[in-house]
Amino acid sequence: MSTISAPLPPILDEFVKRMVKEGKAHNKADVVRKALELLEEKDKQSDKSKN
């Protein structure tokens, strides 16, 4: 598994912290992984609608 570092604007940083605090994710990395999985799914659906 690889790691990345990405600066976040304050509004997204607060969102990530809130997701962890509310128990919707285990940690910050989990929030990012879940967000990327949703983005990947949306991209796949977009590709399907083009065909």
N, C-alpha and C. Protein backbone atom coordinates (compact mmCIF):
# COMPACT_ATOMS: atom_id res chain seq x y z
N MET A 1 0.86 -1.17 0.00
CA MET A 1 0.00 0.00 0.00
C MET A 1 0.90 1.23 0.00
N SER A 2 0.55 2.19 -0.82
CA SER A 2 1.34 3.41 -0.86
C SER A 2 0.66 4.50 -0.02
N THR A 3 1.41 5.52 0.28
CA THR A 3 0.87 6.65 1.02
C THR A 3 1.09 7.91 0.20
N ILE A 4 0.21 8.88 0.40
CA ILE A 4 0.35 10.18 -0.24
C ILE A 4 0.11 11.26 0.79
N SER A 5 0.55 12.44 0.46
CA SER A 5 0.31 13.60 1.31
C SER A 5 -0.32 14.67 0.43
N ALA A 6 -1.43 15.22 0.88
CA ALA A 6 -2.10 16.25 0.09
C ALA A 6 -2.60 17.35 1.02
N PRO A 7 -2.25 18.58 0.73
CA PRO A 7 -2.77 19.68 1.55
C PRO A 7 -4.27 19.84 1.32
N LEU A 8 -5.01 20.10 2.39
CA LEU A 8 -6.46 20.29 2.30
C LEU A 8 -6.81 21.70 2.73
N PRO A 9 -7.80 22.29 2.06
CA PRO A 9 -8.28 23.58 2.56
C PRO A 9 -8.98 23.36 3.90
N PRO A 10 -9.05 24.39 4.71
CA PRO A 10 -9.63 24.25 6.05
C PRO A 10 -11.01 23.59 6.08
N ILE A 11 -11.87 23.90 5.14
CA ILE A 11 -13.22 23.32 5.15
C ILE A 11 -13.19 21.80 4.99
N LEU A 12 -12.30 21.30 4.14
CA LEU A 12 -12.19 19.85 3.96
C LEU A 12 -11.50 19.20 5.15
N ASP A 13 -10.53 19.89 5.73
CA ASP A 13 -9.85 19.37 6.91
C ASP A 13 -10.85 19.20 8.05
N GLU A 14 -11.72 20.17 8.24
CA GLU A 14 -12.74 20.07 9.29
C GLU A 14 -13.73 18.95 8.98
N PHE A 15 -14.07 18.77 7.71
CA PHE A 15 -14.96 17.68 7.32
C PHE A 15 -14.34 16.32 7.67
N VAL A 16 -13.08 16.15 7.33
CA VAL A 16 -12.38 14.90 7.62
C VAL A 16 -12.37 14.64 9.13
N LYS A 17 -12.02 15.64 9.89
CA LYS A 17 -11.99 15.49 11.36
C LYS A 17 -13.37 15.13 11.90
N ARG A 18 -14.43 15.76 11.34
CA ARG A 18 -15.79 15.47 11.80
C ARG A 18 -16.19 14.04 11.49
N MET A 19 -15.82 13.55 10.33
CA MET A 19 -16.17 12.17 9.96
C MET A 19 -15.54 11.18 10.94
N VAL A 20 -14.32 11.44 11.34
CA VAL A 20 -13.64 10.56 12.31
C VAL A 20 -14.29 10.71 13.68
N LYS A 21 -14.52 11.94 14.09
CA LYS A 21 -15.12 12.19 15.41
C LYS A 21 -16.49 11.54 15.54
N GLU A 22 -17.28 11.58 14.46
CA GLU A 22 -18.63 11.02 14.48
C GLU A 22 -18.63 9.51 14.26
N GLY A 23 -17.45 8.92 14.09
CA GLY A 23 -17.36 7.48 13.94
C GLY A 23 -17.71 6.98 12.55
N LYS A 24 -17.77 7.87 11.58
CA LYS A 24 -18.09 7.47 10.22
C LYS A 24 -16.87 6.95 9.47
N ALA A 25 -15.70 7.11 10.08
CA ALA A 25 -14.45 6.58 9.54
C ALA A 25 -13.53 6.32 10.73
N HIS A 26 -12.61 5.37 10.54
CA HIS A 26 -11.70 5.01 11.63
C HIS A 26 -10.63 6.07 11.86
N ASN A 27 -10.19 6.69 10.78
CA ASN A 27 -9.13 7.70 10.86
C ASN A 27 -9.16 8.55 9.60
N LYS A 28 -8.26 9.51 9.50
CA LYS A 28 -8.23 10.40 8.35
C LYS A 28 -8.00 9.65 7.05
N ALA A 29 -7.11 8.69 7.07
CA ALA A 29 -6.82 7.92 5.85
C ALA A 29 -8.07 7.16 5.39
N ASP A 30 -8.85 6.68 6.34
CA ASP A 30 -10.08 5.96 6.01
C ASP A 30 -11.07 6.89 5.30
N VAL A 31 -11.16 8.14 5.74
CA VAL A 31 -12.04 9.11 5.08
C VAL A 31 -11.60 9.29 3.63
N VAL A 32 -10.31 9.46 3.42
CA VAL A 32 -9.79 9.68 2.07
C VAL A 32 -10.03 8.44 1.20
N ARG A 33 -9.79 7.25 1.73
CA ARG A 33 -10.02 6.02 0.96
C ARG A 33 -11.49 5.91 0.55
N LYS A 34 -12.39 6.17 1.50
CA LYS A 34 -13.82 6.09 1.19
C LYS A 34 -14.21 7.12 0.13
N ALA A 35 -13.67 8.31 0.23
CA ALA A 35 -13.97 9.35 -0.76
C ALA A 35 -13.46 8.94 -2.14
N LEU A 36 -12.28 8.37 -2.21
CA LEU A 36 -11.73 7.94 -3.49
C LEU A 36 -12.53 6.77 -4.07
N GLU A 37 -13.00 5.88 -3.22
CA GLU A 37 -13.83 4.77 -3.70
C GLU A 37 -15.14 5.30 -4.31
N LEU A 38 -15.74 6.31 -3.68
CA LEU A 38 -16.95 6.91 -4.22
C LEU A 38 -16.66 7.61 -5.55
N LEU A 39 -15.54 8.30 -5.63
CA LEU A 39 -15.16 8.96 -6.87
C LEU A 39 -14.93 7.95 -7.98
N GLU A 40 -14.29 6.84 -7.66
CA GLU A 40 -14.06 5.78 -8.64
C GLU A 40 -15.39 5.22 -9.15
N GLU A 41 -16.32 4.97 -8.23
CA GLU A 41 -17.63 4.44 -8.62
C GLU A 41 -18.37 5.43 -9.51
N LYS A 42 -18.32 6.70 -9.15
CA LYS A 42 -18.97 7.73 -9.97
C LYS A 42 -18.35 7.77 -11.36
N ASP A 43 -17.05 7.64 -11.44
CA ASP A 43 -16.36 7.65 -12.73
C ASP A 43 -16.77 6.45 -13.58
N LYS A 44 -16.90 5.29 -12.96
CA LYS A 44 -17.34 4.09 -13.68
C LYS A 44 -18.76 4.28 -14.22
N GLN A 45 -19.63 4.84 -13.40
CA GLN A 45 -21.01 5.08 -13.84
C GLN A 45 -21.05 6.08 -14.99
N SER A 46 -20.21 7.08 -14.92
CA SER A 46 -20.12 8.08 -15.98
C SER A 46 -19.67 7.44 -17.29
N ASP A 47 -18.69 6.54 -17.18
CA ASP A 47 -18.20 5.83 -18.37
C ASP A 47 -19.30 4.97 -18.98
N LYS A 48 -20.10 4.32 -18.14
CA LYS A 48 -21.19 3.47 -18.63
C LYS A 48 -22.23 4.30 -19.36
N SER A 49 -22.53 5.48 -18.85
CA SER A 49 -23.57 6.30 -19.47
C SER A 49 -23.11 6.87 -20.82
N LYS A 50 -21.82 6.93 -21.05
CA LYS A 50 -21.29 7.42 -22.32
C LYS A 50 -21.43 6.38 -23.43
N ASN A 51 -21.55 5.12 -23.04
CA ASN A 51 -21.62 4.04 -24.03
C ASN A 51 -23.01 3.68 -24.38
